[in-house]
Amino acid sequence: STSATSRSTMRSDSAVPGTLLAIRSGAGKGSLRLVLATDEGSAIYPVSEAFYQSLGSPAADTLLSDDEIDKITAHAAYRRALASALSSLAAGDLSRRDLYLKLRRKGHSDQAASAAVSEVLRLGYLREDDAAERLCARCAAKGWSRKKTYAYLASRGYGASIISRAISACEDAGEADFASNRAAMRRKLEERGLSPDEV
C-alpha cells in the first residue's frame, strides 16, 4: 500500500498523539522505522538514519513538534516513492515521464514522485539514452520507419534530443536501417495497389 502510514493499534492508551513510541531497524542498511502515536493507534514511518540524525536523534517517548511530524511524514512518503520507483525500473525501461506517471498512479504525491525520479536519475538508475536506444532497435527490427519510431519514442515520454541520439546510435551501430525499412514499406503498399503518398 502506498498510503502515508502503516497502521497498528499496538500502543499504550496513555500515549499522546505525536509521541515517538519506538525507533526500529529498517529493511536496509541505514534505514529506520519510526513508530509514532496517532489518534487511531500508531503509524510506522520508514526513514534514513541520516534523516533521523537531522532531527536531533529524538529518543523514544519524545513528544514531537508538528514541524517534526510534517518532516517525518514527507520523508517517509519520499522513501516509499523511491522504493516503488526502483521496483518499477527493475521491471523494465521507463522514461522519466513514464516513471513519474506510474508513481502518481500508485498514489504517491507529486512532491514524493518528483523527488524519487530526481534521485534515481542522480543515482544513474534511470538512463533514458540507453532505454531509448533499446526501444529504437526494437522498432527498427519491426520494420518501422524513422518517423514512426520517432513518434513512438515521443509518445513514451522521451525528449527530442534523446530520440535523435537514439536513432543516430542505432543507425551507427547497424541496428537500424530506416532507409531499407521505408523502401520495404513502399514496396508492400505498392503490391497492395496503394500509393505511399496516399497513406
Protein backbone atom coordinates (compact mmCIF):
# COMPACT_ATOMS: atom_id res chain seq x y z
CA SER A 1 0.00 0.00 0.00
CA THR A 2 1.21 3.50 -0.75
CA SER A 3 -0.73 5.23 1.98
CA ALA A 4 1.25 7.69 4.05
CA THR A 5 1.38 5.39 7.07
CA SER A 6 1.15 1.78 8.13
CA ARG A 7 -1.38 1.47 10.91
CA SER A 8 -1.04 -0.54 14.09
CA THR A 9 -3.10 -0.50 17.27
CA MET A 10 -0.18 -1.60 19.43
CA ARG A 11 0.30 1.41 21.69
CA SER A 12 -0.33 2.45 25.21
CA ASP A 13 -3.67 4.14 25.81
CA SER A 14 -1.77 6.89 27.60
CA ALA A 15 0.44 7.81 24.61
CA VAL A 16 -0.22 11.32 23.37
CA PRO A 17 -0.60 11.64 19.57
CA GLY A 18 2.71 12.85 18.15
CA THR A 19 4.78 10.87 20.64
CA LEU A 20 7.68 8.89 19.22
CA LEU A 21 6.91 5.43 20.58
CA ALA A 22 9.85 3.46 19.18
CA ILE A 23 12.82 3.54 16.83
CA ARG A 24 13.26 0.23 14.99
CA SER A 25 15.74 -1.09 12.46
CA GLY A 26 14.61 -0.74 8.87
CA ALA A 27 14.71 -3.17 5.96
CA GLY A 28 18.03 -1.97 4.53
CA LYS A 29 21.34 -0.61 5.64
CA GLY A 30 20.94 2.90 7.05
CA SER A 31 17.16 2.52 7.38
CA LEU A 32 14.98 3.00 10.41
CA ARG A 33 11.28 2.79 11.17
CA LEU A 34 9.86 5.42 13.49
CA VAL A 35 6.68 4.46 15.33
CA LEU A 36 4.53 7.46 16.24
CA ALA A 37 1.37 7.60 18.31
CA THR A 38 -1.70 8.80 16.42
CA ASP A 39 -5.33 9.38 17.30
CA GLU A 40 -6.17 5.96 15.76
CA GLY A 41 -3.28 3.98 17.24
CA SER A 42 0.18 4.23 15.80
CA ALA A 43 1.86 4.78 12.46
CA ILE A 44 5.16 3.47 11.14
CA TYR A 45 7.35 5.77 9.04
CA PRO A 46 10.39 4.47 7.12
CA VAL A 47 13.27 6.96 7.32
CA SER A 48 17.01 7.01 6.75
CA GLU A 49 19.43 7.16 9.66
CA ALA A 50 20.79 10.44 8.29
CA PHE A 51 17.30 11.95 8.31
CA TYR A 52 16.72 10.72 11.87
CA GLN A 53 20.00 12.31 12.94
CA SER A 54 18.98 15.58 11.23
CA LEU A 55 16.01 15.66 13.64
CA GLY A 56 18.45 15.50 16.55
CA SER A 57 18.00 11.73 17.13
CA PRO A 58 14.99 12.04 19.43
CA ALA A 59 14.58 9.24 21.98
CA ALA A 60 11.52 7.06 22.40
CA ASP A 61 8.70 8.71 24.40
CA THR A 62 9.62 12.15 22.99
CA LEU A 63 6.67 14.35 22.04
CA LEU A 64 7.48 15.65 18.57
CA SER A 65 6.53 19.08 17.25
CA ASP A 66 4.08 19.47 14.36
CA ASP A 67 7.02 20.60 12.19
CA GLU A 68 8.99 17.44 13.03
CA ILE A 69 5.97 15.25 12.28
CA ASP A 70 5.46 17.01 8.94
CA LYS A 71 9.12 16.43 8.05
CA ILE A 72 8.90 12.76 9.04
CA THR A 73 5.70 12.29 7.01
CA ALA A 74 7.21 13.93 3.91
CA HIS A 75 10.47 11.97 4.19
CA ALA A 76 8.63 8.67 4.64
CA ALA A 77 6.46 9.42 1.59
CA TYR A 78 9.62 10.10 -0.43
CA ARG A 79 11.22 6.83 0.79
CA ARG A 80 8.13 4.85 -0.23
CA ALA A 81 8.05 6.54 -3.65
CA LEU A 82 11.76 5.82 -4.14
CA ALA A 83 11.27 2.14 -3.30
CA SER A 84 8.38 2.00 -5.76
CA ALA A 85 10.46 3.75 -8.44
CA LEU A 86 13.31 1.27 -8.05
CA SER A 87 10.87 -1.62 -8.26
CA SER A 88 9.29 -0.17 -11.41
CA LEU A 89 12.69 0.30 -13.07
CA ALA A 90 13.65 -3.27 -12.24
CA ALA A 91 10.60 -4.41 -14.22
CA GLY A 92 11.61 -2.60 -17.42
CA ASP A 93 12.71 0.55 -19.21
CA LEU A 94 10.84 3.76 -18.49
CA SER A 95 11.31 7.39 -19.39
CA ARG A 96 11.35 9.89 -16.55
CA ARG A 97 7.83 10.98 -17.54
CA ASP A 98 6.52 7.39 -17.58
CA LEU A 99 8.15 6.68 -14.20
CA TYR A 100 6.66 9.84 -12.68
CA LEU A 101 3.18 9.00 -14.04
CA LYS A 102 3.46 5.43 -12.78
CA LEU A 103 4.33 6.67 -9.29
CA ARG A 104 1.39 9.09 -9.34
CA ARG A 105 -0.98 6.28 -10.43
CA LYS A 106 0.27 4.26 -7.47
CA GLY A 107 -0.88 7.06 -5.17
CA HIS A 108 2.38 8.86 -4.44
CA SER A 109 2.17 12.64 -4.09
CA ASP A 110 3.56 14.98 -6.74
CA GLN A 111 6.37 16.03 -4.40
CA ALA A 112 7.34 12.46 -3.45
CA ALA A 113 7.16 11.20 -7.06
CA SER A 114 9.23 14.12 -8.38
CA ALA A 115 11.86 13.66 -5.66
CA ALA A 116 12.06 9.90 -6.32
CA VAL A 117 12.52 10.43 -10.08
CA SER A 118 15.25 13.02 -9.40
CA GLU A 119 17.01 10.60 -7.07
CA VAL A 120 17.02 7.65 -9.49
CA LEU A 121 18.35 9.99 -12.18
CA ARG A 122 21.08 11.21 -9.81
CA LEU A 123 21.99 7.64 -8.89
CA GLY A 124 22.18 6.64 -12.56
CA TYR A 125 19.42 4.02 -12.34
CA LEU A 126 17.32 5.78 -14.96
CA ARG A 127 19.32 6.02 -18.18
CA GLU A 128 16.95 7.44 -20.74
CA ASP A 129 19.51 7.40 -23.56
CA ASP A 130 20.14 3.67 -23.15
CA ALA A 131 16.44 2.86 -22.79
CA ALA A 132 15.55 4.93 -25.87
CA GLU A 133 18.25 3.14 -27.89
CA ARG A 134 16.85 -0.26 -26.91
CA LEU A 135 13.33 0.82 -27.89
CA CYS A 136 14.64 2.26 -31.15
CA ALA A 137 16.35 -1.04 -32.02
CA ARG A 138 13.09 -2.94 -31.33
CA CYS A 139 11.15 -0.54 -33.55
CA ALA A 140 13.69 -0.94 -36.36
CA ALA A 141 13.55 -4.74 -36.02
CA LYS A 142 9.78 -4.48 -36.59
CA GLY A 143 10.48 -2.66 -39.83
CA TRP A 144 9.24 0.70 -38.61
CA SER A 145 10.19 3.91 -40.38
CA ARG A 146 12.28 6.61 -38.75
CA LYS A 147 9.16 8.81 -38.49
CA LYS A 148 7.06 6.10 -36.79
CA THR A 149 9.93 5.25 -34.42
CA TYR A 150 10.36 8.92 -33.54
CA ALA A 151 6.63 9.29 -32.85
CA TYR A 152 6.56 6.16 -30.72
CA LEU A 153 9.52 7.23 -28.59
CA ALA A 154 7.96 10.67 -28.16
CA SER A 155 4.69 9.06 -27.03
CA ARG A 156 6.69 7.16 -24.38
CA GLY A 157 7.93 10.46 -22.93
CA TYR A 158 11.41 10.74 -24.40
CA GLY A 159 12.59 14.22 -25.40
CA ALA A 160 13.59 15.24 -28.92
CA SER A 161 17.34 15.27 -28.23
CA ILE A 162 17.24 11.81 -26.61
CA ILE A 163 15.24 10.42 -29.55
CA SER A 164 17.62 11.91 -32.12
CA ARG A 165 20.63 10.47 -30.28
CA ALA A 166 18.94 7.06 -30.00
CA ILE A 167 18.09 6.91 -33.70
CA SER A 168 21.60 8.01 -34.68
CA ALA A 169 23.17 5.48 -32.30
CA CYS A 170 21.01 2.65 -33.71
CA GLU A 171 21.91 3.60 -37.27
CA ASP A 172 25.62 3.95 -36.43
CA ALA A 173 25.65 0.55 -34.71
CA GLY A 174 23.94 -1.05 -37.70
CA GLU A 175 20.89 -1.95 -35.60
CA ALA A 176 18.58 0.17 -37.73
CA ASP A 177 18.33 0.75 -41.43
CA PHE A 178 15.39 3.10 -41.68
CA ALA A 179 16.01 3.73 -45.41
CA SER A 180 15.60 -0.01 -46.13
CA ASN A 181 12.58 -0.17 -43.85
CA ARG A 182 10.99 2.73 -45.72
CA ALA A 183 11.73 1.15 -49.12
CA ALA A 184 10.27 -2.18 -47.97
CA MET A 185 7.14 -0.42 -46.72
CA ARG A 186 6.74 1.39 -50.04
CA ARG A 187 7.01 -1.95 -51.91
CA LYS A 188 4.37 -3.55 -49.64
CA LEU A 189 1.99 -0.66 -50.22
CA GLU A 190 2.53 -0.74 -53.98
CA GLU A 191 1.96 -4.53 -54.04
CA ARG A 192 -1.43 -3.88 -52.47
CA GLY A 193 -2.26 -1.26 -55.06
CA LEU A 194 -1.74 1.69 -52.75
CA SER A 195 0.40 4.70 -53.34
CA PRO A 196 2.72 5.53 -50.42
CA ASP A 197 1.86 9.18 -50.98
CA GLU A 198 -1.84 8.47 -50.35
CA VAL A 199 -1.26 6.80 -46.98
